[in-house]
């Protein structure tokens, strides 16, 4: 209960903050503006249960939807705020941007929306469905739960060109800090949120440049030699670039601190992950999160509340889509 109370106080505090989103198409309200826990308690009291059941059903059919939905929510929030614009289909929408081509779990969000429209027509936004589904995905992989503030409305604009500033697999810590800071997120929150890579996979194309000699030098020396051989077997130099590799070797289906331990052993798959250990700006944070007294679960819950309230549309802004894949 103390954690829940703390989150409620924290969310109230958030409404006093205003952040600017550098390089985005338009300004949005600051984190937490107009969202609250239990927003649908009277207008659609079973909303969270309906979403949870839809995510559980999808997870039972394909457990890979859990990291897919978590990543989808992350990518939605980093482009013009958490407005569900990642869900819109069509030519040159965010879904067609290269970083989003391998996202999965859209059918789960669509299923939840269909059920919600039957129960409470025109009430629950797609942006809120995605925020709730991300939380439920963490829980299904044995991670923590947290109260999700709701009340977001859906955006009407979705452009692939707006996805250019998403964090990338080759980003240095400095570049990652710039991208997170532009959205009002701290370096600690950066490390904690990237810790979501404790579940999920990456395609060989996103890190194969680390594995072999190139014009810039030999294989990345920060990779553990035994692990390097393993990755080279999984991702041959001229092999299938779409082959998927676990981001958290040995624990890719469980939401835990194993990811941080792997970084300390030179077993980070993505360059952007491994630099969290090699860079002195982030290494102490990784060390704390992998320690016996790790606060990763609580930190992740707080960071997700912060991230999920970036640039939200509330009140009369935006709309409540009838279907998540198209504007009304």
Protein backbone atom coordinates (compact mmCIF):
# COMPACT_ATOMS: atom_id res chain seq x y z
CA UNK A 1 0.00 0.00 0.00
CA UNK A 2 2.86 2.40 0.74
CA UNK A 3 4.14 1.94 -2.83
CA UNK A 4 0.66 2.67 -4.24
CA UNK A 5 0.36 5.80 -2.09
CA UNK A 6 3.81 6.93 -3.19
CA UNK A 7 2.88 6.52 -6.82
CA UNK A 8 -0.31 8.51 -6.32
CA UNK A 9 1.64 11.36 -4.72
CA UNK A 10 4.25 11.14 -7.47
CA UNK A 11 1.60 11.31 -10.20
CA UNK A 12 0.08 14.39 -8.57
CA UNK A 13 3.55 15.97 -8.54
CA UNK A 14 3.96 15.19 -12.23
CA UNK A 15 1.03 17.40 -13.15
CA UNK A 16 3.10 20.38 -12.03
CA UNK A 17 5.90 19.66 -14.49
CA UNK A 18 6.18 20.80 -18.09
CA UNK A 19 8.71 19.36 -20.51
CA UNK A 20 9.54 20.39 -24.05
CA UNK A 21 9.93 17.71 -26.71
CA UNK A 22 12.83 18.76 -28.89
CA UNK A 23 12.52 17.95 -32.55
CA UNK A 24 8.88 16.88 -32.33
CA UNK A 25 6.16 18.18 -34.61
CA UNK A 26 4.16 19.98 -31.93
CA UNK A 27 4.15 20.81 -28.25
CA UNK A 28 2.04 18.67 -25.96
CA UNK A 29 0.87 18.98 -22.33
CA UNK A 30 3.46 18.01 -19.72
CA UNK A 31 3.65 14.54 -18.16
CA UNK A 32 0.63 13.65 -16.10
CA UNK A 33 -1.62 16.44 -17.40
CA UNK A 34 -5.18 15.22 -16.95
CA UNK A 35 -4.44 11.53 -16.31
CA UNK A 36 -5.31 9.77 -13.08
CA UNK A 37 -5.63 6.31 -11.63
CA UNK A 38 -9.17 4.99 -12.00
CA UNK A 39 -10.17 7.37 -14.79
CA UNK A 40 -12.69 4.81 -16.12
CA UNK A 41 -14.02 3.67 -12.73
CA UNK A 42 -17.51 4.96 -13.48
CA UNK A 43 -17.60 5.26 -17.29
CA UNK A 44 -16.16 1.80 -18.02
CA UNK A 45 -15.44 0.00 -14.73
CA UNK A 46 -14.27 -3.23 -16.36
CA UNK A 47 -11.84 -1.54 -18.75
CA UNK A 48 -8.65 -2.74 -17.11
CA UNK A 49 -9.99 -6.27 -16.72
CA UNK A 50 -10.94 -6.40 -20.40
CA UNK A 51 -7.47 -5.24 -21.44
CA UNK A 52 -5.78 -7.65 -19.05
CA UNK A 53 -7.80 -10.59 -20.35
CA UNK A 54 -7.00 -9.69 -23.96
CA UNK A 55 -3.27 -9.48 -23.20
CA UNK A 56 -3.37 -12.75 -21.28
CA UNK A 57 -5.10 -14.51 -24.17
CA UNK A 58 -2.56 -13.15 -26.64
CA UNK A 59 0.33 -14.10 -24.38
CA UNK A 60 -1.00 -17.64 -24.06
CA UNK A 61 -0.94 -17.97 -27.85
CA UNK A 62 2.42 -16.25 -28.33
CA UNK A 63 4.56 -15.16 -25.34
CA UNK A 64 6.62 -12.91 -27.64
CA UNK A 65 3.80 -10.38 -27.66
CA UNK A 66 4.81 -9.31 -24.13
CA UNK A 67 8.12 -7.65 -25.07
CA UNK A 68 6.49 -6.56 -28.33
CA UNK A 69 3.76 -4.59 -26.57
CA UNK A 70 6.21 -3.11 -24.07
CA UNK A 71 8.45 -1.91 -26.91
CA UNK A 72 5.41 -0.63 -28.84
CA UNK A 73 4.39 1.55 -25.90
CA UNK A 74 7.95 2.86 -25.57
CA UNK A 75 8.10 3.73 -29.28
CA UNK A 76 4.67 5.38 -29.11
CA UNK A 77 5.65 7.64 -26.23
CA UNK A 78 8.96 8.68 -27.79
CA UNK A 79 7.23 10.03 -30.91
CA UNK A 80 4.90 12.96 -30.21
CA UNK A 81 3.95 11.57 -26.82
CA UNK A 82 1.81 8.63 -25.67
CA UNK A 83 -1.11 9.14 -28.05
CA UNK A 84 -1.53 5.75 -29.72
CA UNK A 85 -0.20 7.06 -33.04
CA UNK A 86 2.00 3.96 -33.40
CA UNK A 87 -1.19 1.92 -33.90
CA UNK A 88 -2.40 3.72 -37.05
CA UNK A 89 -1.94 1.85 -40.32
CA UNK A 90 -1.33 3.35 -43.77
CA UNK A 91 1.36 4.68 -46.07
CA UNK A 92 4.13 6.59 -44.27
CA UNK A 93 2.65 6.10 -40.80
CA UNK A 94 4.87 5.47 -37.77
CA UNK A 95 4.33 1.73 -38.16
CA UNK A 96 6.19 1.86 -41.49
CA UNK A 97 9.32 3.48 -40.00
CA UNK A 98 12.32 1.13 -39.92
CA UNK A 99 12.57 0.94 -36.09
CA UNK A 100 8.92 -0.15 -35.95
CA UNK A 101 8.83 -2.78 -38.67
CA UNK A 102 9.32 -5.69 -36.26
CA UNK A 103 6.88 -4.55 -33.59
CA UNK A 104 4.37 -7.20 -32.60
CA UNK A 105 1.16 -7.36 -30.56
CA UNK A 106 -1.05 -5.04 -32.61
CA UNK A 107 -3.72 -7.73 -32.83
CA UNK A 108 -3.91 -7.85 -29.03
CA UNK A 109 -4.58 -4.11 -28.82
CA UNK A 110 -7.20 -4.42 -31.59
CA UNK A 111 -8.88 -7.31 -29.76
CA UNK A 112 -9.05 -5.34 -26.52
CA UNK A 113 -10.48 -2.34 -28.37
CA UNK A 114 -13.19 -4.45 -30.02
CA UNK A 115 -14.29 -5.76 -26.62
CA UNK A 116 -14.18 -2.32 -25.03
CA UNK A 117 -16.27 -0.79 -27.81
CA UNK A 118 -18.87 -3.49 -27.21
CA UNK A 119 -18.90 -2.82 -23.46
CA UNK A 120 -18.36 0.96 -23.40
CA UNK A 121 -18.62 2.52 -26.87
CA UNK A 122 -16.46 5.58 -27.47
CA UNK A 123 -15.02 5.71 -23.96
CA UNK A 124 -11.59 4.05 -23.70
CA UNK A 125 -8.76 5.39 -25.82
CA UNK A 126 -6.28 3.27 -27.74
CA UNK A 127 -3.45 5.16 -26.04
CA UNK A 128 -4.74 4.00 -22.66
CA UNK A 129 -5.20 0.43 -23.89
CA UNK A 130 -1.55 0.38 -24.93
CA UNK A 131 -0.35 1.82 -21.60
CA UNK A 132 -2.38 -0.77 -19.67
CA UNK A 133 -1.28 -3.61 -21.96
CA UNK A 134 2.39 -2.70 -21.44
CA UNK A 135 1.95 -3.01 -17.67
CA UNK A 136 0.11 -6.31 -18.06
CA UNK A 137 2.86 -7.64 -20.33
CA UNK A 138 5.45 -7.02 -17.62
CA UNK A 139 3.28 -8.79 -15.06
CA UNK A 140 2.83 -11.82 -17.33
CA UNK A 141 6.61 -12.19 -17.56
CA UNK A 142 6.84 -12.23 -13.75
CA UNK A 143 7.68 -8.57 -13.36
CA UNK A 144 6.10 -6.01 -11.05
CA UNK A 145 2.66 -4.43 -11.37
CA UNK A 146 1.80 -0.79 -10.86
CA UNK A 147 -1.25 1.49 -10.99
CA UNK A 148 -1.50 3.01 -14.48
CA UNK A 149 -2.91 6.55 -14.66
CA UNK A 150 -5.41 6.78 -17.51
CA UNK A 151 -7.33 9.48 -19.32
CA UNK A 152 -5.19 9.81 -22.44
CA UNK A 153 -6.86 10.60 -25.74
CA UNK A 154 -5.77 9.42 -29.17
CA UNK A 155 -3.71 11.45 -31.62
CA UNK A 156 -4.76 12.02 -35.22
CA UNK A 157 -1.28 12.30 -36.76
CA UNK A 158 1.08 9.41 -37.47
CA UNK A 159 4.13 10.06 -39.67
CA UNK A 160 7.11 7.79 -40.24
CA UNK A 161 9.35 10.84 -40.44
CA UNK A 162 8.58 11.65 -36.79
CA UNK A 163 10.18 8.35 -35.72
CA UNK A 164 13.68 9.45 -36.74
CA UNK A 165 14.71 10.30 -33.20
CA UNK A 166 13.89 6.97 -31.58
CA UNK A 167 16.78 5.51 -29.56
CA UNK A 168 18.87 3.24 -31.78
CA UNK A 169 20.88 0.04 -31.20
CA UNK A 170 24.19 1.79 -31.90
CA UNK A 171 23.61 4.88 -29.74
CA UNK A 172 26.29 5.95 -27.26
CA UNK A 173 25.32 6.82 -23.71
CA UNK A 174 25.63 10.52 -24.57
CA UNK A 175 23.19 10.16 -27.48
CA UNK A 176 20.78 8.14 -25.35
CA UNK A 177 20.97 10.76 -22.62
CA UNK A 178 20.12 13.49 -25.11
CA UNK A 179 17.10 11.60 -26.41
CA UNK A 180 15.76 10.76 -22.95
CA UNK A 181 16.53 14.17 -21.51
CA UNK A 182 14.60 15.82 -24.35
CA UNK A 183 11.52 14.07 -22.94
CA UNK A 184 12.26 14.98 -19.34
CA UNK A 185 13.69 11.60 -18.36
CA UNK A 186 16.81 11.31 -16.23
CA UNK A 187 19.89 9.17 -16.81
CA UNK A 188 18.75 6.77 -14.10
CA UNK A 189 15.35 6.46 -15.76
CA UNK A 190 17.16 5.82 -19.05
CA UNK A 191 19.03 2.83 -17.58
CA UNK A 192 15.95 1.54 -15.79
CA UNK A 193 13.71 1.74 -18.87
CA UNK A 194 16.32 0.16 -21.14
CA UNK A 195 16.30 -2.62 -18.55
CA UNK A 196 13.04 -3.62 -20.22
CA UNK A 197 15.39 -5.49 -22.57
CA UNK A 198 15.34 -8.20 -19.92
CA UNK A 199 12.57 -9.65 -22.12
CA UNK A 200 12.56 -9.84 -25.89
CA UNK A 201 14.88 -10.30 -28.84
CA UNK A 202 16.82 -8.35 -31.47
CA UNK A 203 17.45 -9.11 -35.13
CA UNK A 204 21.01 -9.92 -36.22
CA UNK A 205 20.96 -6.84 -38.43
CA UNK A 206 20.89 -4.56 -35.37
CA UNK A 207 24.18 -5.76 -33.87
CA UNK A 208 26.08 -7.90 -36.41
CA UNK A 209 28.49 -5.02 -37.04
CA UNK A 210 29.89 -5.73 -33.55
CA UNK A 211 30.76 -9.34 -34.36
CA UNK A 212 33.18 -9.23 -37.27
CA UNK A 213 36.25 -7.42 -38.56
CA UNK A 214 35.38 -4.33 -40.53
CA UNK A 215 36.96 -1.25 -42.02
CA UNK A 216 36.87 0.31 -38.57
CA UNK A 217 38.60 -2.55 -36.77
CA UNK A 218 38.10 -6.04 -35.31
CA UNK A 219 35.10 -7.39 -33.47
CA UNK A 220 33.92 -5.26 -30.53
CA UNK A 221 36.45 -5.96 -27.75
CA UNK A 222 33.86 -5.31 -25.04
CA UNK A 223 32.07 -8.56 -25.94
CA UNK A 224 32.98 -11.57 -23.80
CA UNK A 225 34.96 -13.94 -26.10
CA UNK A 226 32.80 -16.96 -25.33
CA UNK A 227 29.68 -14.92 -25.92
CA UNK A 228 31.14 -13.53 -29.14
CA UNK A 229 31.55 -17.06 -30.51
CA UNK A 230 27.95 -17.83 -29.53
CA UNK A 231 26.63 -14.73 -31.28
CA UNK A 232 28.70 -15.47 -34.39
CA UNK A 233 27.11 -18.92 -34.54
CA UNK A 234 23.64 -17.42 -34.24
CA UNK A 235 24.40 -14.60 -36.69
CA UNK A 236 26.87 -15.72 -39.39
CA UNK A 237 28.54 -12.89 -41.27
CA UNK A 238 26.51 -13.46 -44.43
CA UNK A 239 23.53 -15.11 -42.77
CA UNK A 240 19.88 -14.16 -42.39
CA UNK A 241 19.75 -10.66 -40.91
CA UNK A 242 16.23 -11.24 -39.57
CA UNK A 243 17.20 -14.08 -37.19
CA UNK A 244 16.23 -13.12 -33.64
CA UNK A 245 18.57 -13.37 -30.64
CA UNK A 246 17.62 -13.05 -26.97
CA UNK A 247 18.57 -9.68 -25.49
CA UNK A 248 18.93 -11.21 -22.01
CA UNK A 249 20.79 -14.47 -22.54
CA UNK A 250 19.54 -17.19 -20.23
CA UNK A 251 16.52 -15.27 -18.97
CA UNK A 252 14.80 -13.74 -22.00
CA UNK A 253 11.26 -14.66 -20.96
CA UNK A 254 11.47 -13.47 -17.35
CA UNK A 255 11.37 -9.84 -16.23
CA UNK A 256 14.31 -9.71 -13.82
CA UNK A 257 17.75 -8.18 -13.18
CA UNK A 258 19.65 -10.80 -15.20
CA UNK A 259 19.97 -8.26 -18.03
CA UNK A 260 22.18 -6.02 -15.89
CA UNK A 261 24.32 -8.95 -14.75
CA UNK A 262 24.88 -9.85 -18.39
CA UNK A 263 26.10 -6.33 -19.13
CA UNK A 264 28.71 -6.65 -16.37
CA UNK A 265 29.99 -9.83 -18.04
CA UNK A 266 30.29 -8.35 -21.52
CA UNK A 267 27.13 -10.10 -22.65
CA UNK A 268 25.07 -7.16 -23.83
CA UNK A 269 23.74 -7.88 -27.31
CA UNK A 270 23.17 -4.34 -28.55
CA UNK A 271 25.94 -1.75 -28.55
CA UNK A 272 23.53 0.68 -26.89
CA UNK A 273 23.05 -1.82 -24.06
CA UNK A 274 26.69 -2.74 -23.47
CA UNK A 275 27.80 0.90 -23.26
CA UNK A 276 25.64 1.26 -20.16
CA UNK A 277 28.33 -0.81 -18.43
CA UNK A 278 31.42 0.63 -20.09
CA UNK A 279 30.45 4.30 -19.70
CA UNK A 280 31.24 5.78 -16.26
CA UNK A 281 28.06 7.89 -16.40
CA UNK A 282 25.82 4.82 -16.24
CA UNK A 283 27.94 1.98 -14.83
CA UNK A 284 27.19 2.83 -11.15
CA UNK A 285 23.47 2.69 -11.93
CA UNK A 286 23.83 -0.73 -13.55
CA UNK A 287 25.84 -1.92 -10.54
CA UNK A 288 23.09 -0.83 -8.17
CA UNK A 289 20.35 -2.41 -10.25
CA UNK A 290 22.15 -5.78 -10.36
CA UNK A 291 22.98 -5.82 -6.64
CA UNK A 292 21.20 -7.97 -4.01
CA UNK A 293 19.48 -4.76 -2.86
CA UNK A 294 18.30 -3.89 -6.34
CA UNK A 295 15.29 -1.60 -6.56
CA UNK A 296 14.75 -2.37 -10.25
CA UNK A 297 11.09 -3.38 -10.01
CA UNK A 298 10.03 -0.31 -8.05
CA UNK A 299 12.24 1.94 -10.19
CA UNK A 300 10.81 0.47 -13.39
CA UNK A 301 7.23 1.05 -12.21
CA UNK A 302 7.95 4.70 -11.40
CA UNK A 303 9.82 5.25 -14.66
CA UNK A 304 6.97 3.71 -16.65
CA UNK A 305 4.47 6.07 -15.02
CA UNK A 306 6.73 8.96 -15.96
CA UNK A 307 7.25 7.79 -19.53
CA UNK A 308 3.61 6.90 -20.12
CA UNK A 309 2.57 10.45 -19.30
CA UNK A 310 4.87 12.14 -21.82
CA UNK A 311 2.99 14.53 -24.08
CA UNK A 312 -0.44 13.06 -23.40
CA UNK A 313 -3.57 14.45 -25.02
CA UNK A 314 -6.42 15.00 -22.57
CA UNK A 315 -9.67 16.89 -22.22
CA UNK A 316 -10.92 18.06 -25.62
CA UNK A 317 -7.65 17.33 -27.44
CA UNK A 318 -7.42 14.41 -29.84
CA UNK A 319 -10.19 11.84 -30.01
CA UNK A 320 -11.34 8.42 -28.85
CA UNK A 321 -10.81 6.22 -31.89
CA UNK A 322 -13.46 3.69 -32.81
CA UNK A 323 -10.75 1.36 -34.09
CA UNK A 324 -7.12 1.71 -33.09
CA UNK A 325 -5.68 1.37 -36.57
CA UNK A 326 -7.44 4.42 -38.06
CA UNK A 327 -8.48 7.91 -37.07
CA UNK A 328 -12.23 8.57 -36.87
